[in-house]
């Protein structure tokens, strides 16, 4: 089952990101992501994705592998602006 979101930012299937990522809007991960925190409004993790981080998001769709905690956040726009 695939649920598509219109992503502002994408980490492609052959891409790797290591670090802290703050996104205003939506994001799709099809590759690998490792970091301290991923703060995003809407997140879709594709079937081939591997993610190792703490996630804060208003909505998350996970089809791949996530190692870490996922916290649902009603509003974190102010957190994005304060960083």
C-alpha atoms as a PDB file:
ATOM      1  CA  UNK A   1       0.000   0.000   0.000  1.00  0.00           C
ATOM      2  CA  UNK A   2       1.506   3.294  -1.057  1.00  0.00           C
ATOM      3  CA  UNK A   3       0.193   6.637   0.116  1.00  0.00           C
ATOM      4  CA  UNK A   4       1.754   9.570  -1.698  1.00  0.00           C
ATOM      5  CA  UNK A   5       2.201  13.026  -0.265  1.00  0.00           C
ATOM      6  CA  UNK A   6       3.277  16.069  -2.230  1.00  0.00           C
ATOM      7  CA  UNK A   7       6.775  16.462  -0.806  1.00  0.00           C
ATOM      8  CA  UNK A   8       8.634  19.778  -0.462  1.00  0.00           C
ATOM      9  CA  UNK A   9      11.859  17.825   0.111  1.00  0.00           C
ATOM     10  CA  UNK A  10      12.948  14.348  -0.957  1.00  0.00           C
ATOM     11  CA  UNK A  11      15.860  12.076  -0.111  1.00  0.00           C
ATOM     12  CA  UNK A  12      16.089   9.834  -3.180  1.00  0.00           C
ATOM     13  CA  UNK A  13      16.511   6.065  -3.207  1.00  0.00           C
ATOM     14  CA  UNK A  14      20.265   6.203  -3.912  1.00  0.00           C
ATOM     15  CA  UNK A  15      20.902   9.120  -1.529  1.00  0.00           C
ATOM     16  CA  UNK A  16      22.193   9.199   2.059  1.00  0.00           C
ATOM     17  CA  UNK A  17      21.766  12.048   4.548  1.00  0.00           C
ATOM     18  CA  UNK A  18      23.510  12.248   7.921  1.00  0.00           C
ATOM     19  CA  UNK A  19      22.682  15.075  10.326  1.00  0.00           C
ATOM     20  CA  UNK A  20      19.819  17.214  11.592  1.00  0.00           C
ATOM     21  CA  UNK A  21      16.966  17.996   9.218  1.00  0.00           C
ATOM     22  CA  UNK A  22      14.199  20.552   9.812  1.00  0.00           C
ATOM     23  CA  UNK A  23      11.535  20.815   7.123  1.00  0.00           C
ATOM     24  CA  UNK A  24       8.628  23.226   6.896  1.00  0.00           C
ATOM     25  CA  UNK A  25       6.066  21.263   4.946  1.00  0.00           C
ATOM     26  CA  UNK A  26       6.275  17.681   3.769  1.00  0.00           C
ATOM     27  CA  UNK A  27       9.100  15.265   3.080  1.00  0.00           C
ATOM     28  CA  UNK A  28       9.550  11.869   1.463  1.00  0.00           C
ATOM     29  CA  UNK A  29      12.479   9.563   2.198  1.00  0.00           C
ATOM     30  CA  UNK A  30      13.292   6.774  -0.239  1.00  0.00           C
ATOM     31  CA  UNK A  31      16.989   6.487   0.633  1.00  0.00           C
ATOM     32  CA  UNK A  32      18.891   6.434   3.926  1.00  0.00           C
ATOM     33  CA  UNK A  33      18.647   9.015   6.704  1.00  0.00           C
ATOM     34  CA  UNK A  34      20.615   9.028   9.954  1.00  0.00           C
ATOM     35  CA  UNK A  35      20.670  11.886  12.389  1.00  0.00           C
ATOM     36  CA  UNK A  36      19.805  13.431  15.733  1.00  0.00           C
ATOM     37  CA  UNK A  37      16.304  14.582  14.850  1.00  0.00           C
ATOM     38  CA  UNK A  38      13.948  14.888  11.931  1.00  0.00           C
ATOM     39  CA  UNK A  39      11.361  17.623  12.441  1.00  0.00           C
ATOM     40  CA  UNK A  40       8.748  17.829   9.673  1.00  0.00           C
ATOM     41  CA  UNK A  41       5.022  18.449   9.139  1.00  0.00           C
ATOM     42  CA  UNK A  42       4.177  15.405   6.997  1.00  0.00           C
ATOM     43  CA  UNK A  43       6.595  12.539   6.411  1.00  0.00           C
ATOM     44  CA  UNK A  44       6.425   9.558   4.098  1.00  0.00           C
ATOM     45  CA  UNK A  45       9.052   6.840   4.422  1.00  0.00           C
ATOM     46  CA  UNK A  46       9.128   4.764   1.232  1.00  0.00           C
ATOM     47  CA  UNK A  47       9.358   0.961   1.089  1.00  0.00           C
ATOM     48  CA  UNK A  48      13.140   0.888   0.416  1.00  0.00           C
ATOM     49  CA  UNK A  49      14.005   3.613   2.957  1.00  0.00           C
ATOM     50  CA  UNK A  50      16.082   3.056   6.091  1.00  0.00           C
ATOM     51  CA  UNK A  51      15.785   5.771   8.768  1.00  0.00           C
ATOM     52  CA  UNK A  52      17.670   5.980  12.072  1.00  0.00           C
ATOM     53  CA  UNK A  53      16.656   9.094  14.046  1.00  0.00           C
ATOM     54  CA  UNK A  54      14.113  10.648  16.393  1.00  0.00           C
ATOM     55  CA  UNK A  55      11.110  11.870  14.376  1.00  0.00           C
ATOM     56  CA  UNK A  56       8.676  14.659  15.302  1.00  0.00           C
ATOM     57  CA  UNK A  57       5.861  15.123  12.784  1.00  0.00           C
ATOM     58  CA  UNK A  58       2.153  15.873  12.540  1.00  0.00           C
ATOM     59  CA  UNK A  59       1.675  12.786  10.344  1.00  0.00           C
ATOM     60  CA  UNK A  60       3.927   9.890   9.345  1.00  0.00           C
ATOM     61  CA  UNK A  61       3.431   7.080   6.836  1.00  0.00           C
ATOM     62  CA  UNK A  62       6.021   4.307   7.251  1.00  0.00           C
ATOM     63  CA  UNK A  63       6.539   1.696   4.549  1.00  0.00           C
ATOM     64  CA  UNK A  64      10.281   1.170   5.103  1.00  0.00           C
ATOM     65  CA  UNK A  65      12.446   0.660   8.199  1.00  0.00           C
ATOM     66  CA  UNK A  66      12.586   3.140  11.101  1.00  0.00           C
ATOM     67  CA  UNK A  67      14.971   2.752  14.033  1.00  0.00           C
ATOM     68  CA  UNK A  68      14.135   5.387  16.645  1.00  0.00           C
ATOM     69  CA  UNK A  69      11.116   7.043  18.196  1.00  0.00           C
ATOM     70  CA  UNK A  70       8.273   8.719  16.341  1.00  0.00           C
ATOM     71  CA  UNK A  71       6.485  11.499  18.235  1.00  0.00           C
ATOM     72  CA  UNK A  72       3.288  12.979  16.870  1.00  0.00           C
ATOM     73  CA  UNK A  73       3.301  16.732  17.226  1.00  0.00           C
ATOM     74  CA  UNK A  74       0.141  18.796  16.744  1.00  0.00           C
ATOM     75  CA  UNK A  75       2.061  22.013  16.148  1.00  0.00           C
ATOM     76  CA  UNK A  76       5.778  22.368  15.795  1.00  0.00           C
ATOM     77  CA  UNK A  77       6.002  25.314  13.396  1.00  0.00           C
ATOM     78  CA  UNK A  78       7.243  27.426  16.326  1.00  0.00           C
ATOM     79  CA  UNK A  79       9.981  24.848  16.969  1.00  0.00           C
ATOM     80  CA  UNK A  80      11.149  25.228  13.347  1.00  0.00           C
ATOM     81  CA  UNK A  81      11.272  29.011  13.685  1.00  0.00           C
ATOM     82  CA  UNK A  82      13.197  28.943  16.971  1.00  0.00           C
ATOM     83  CA  UNK A  83      16.092  26.773  15.696  1.00  0.00           C
END
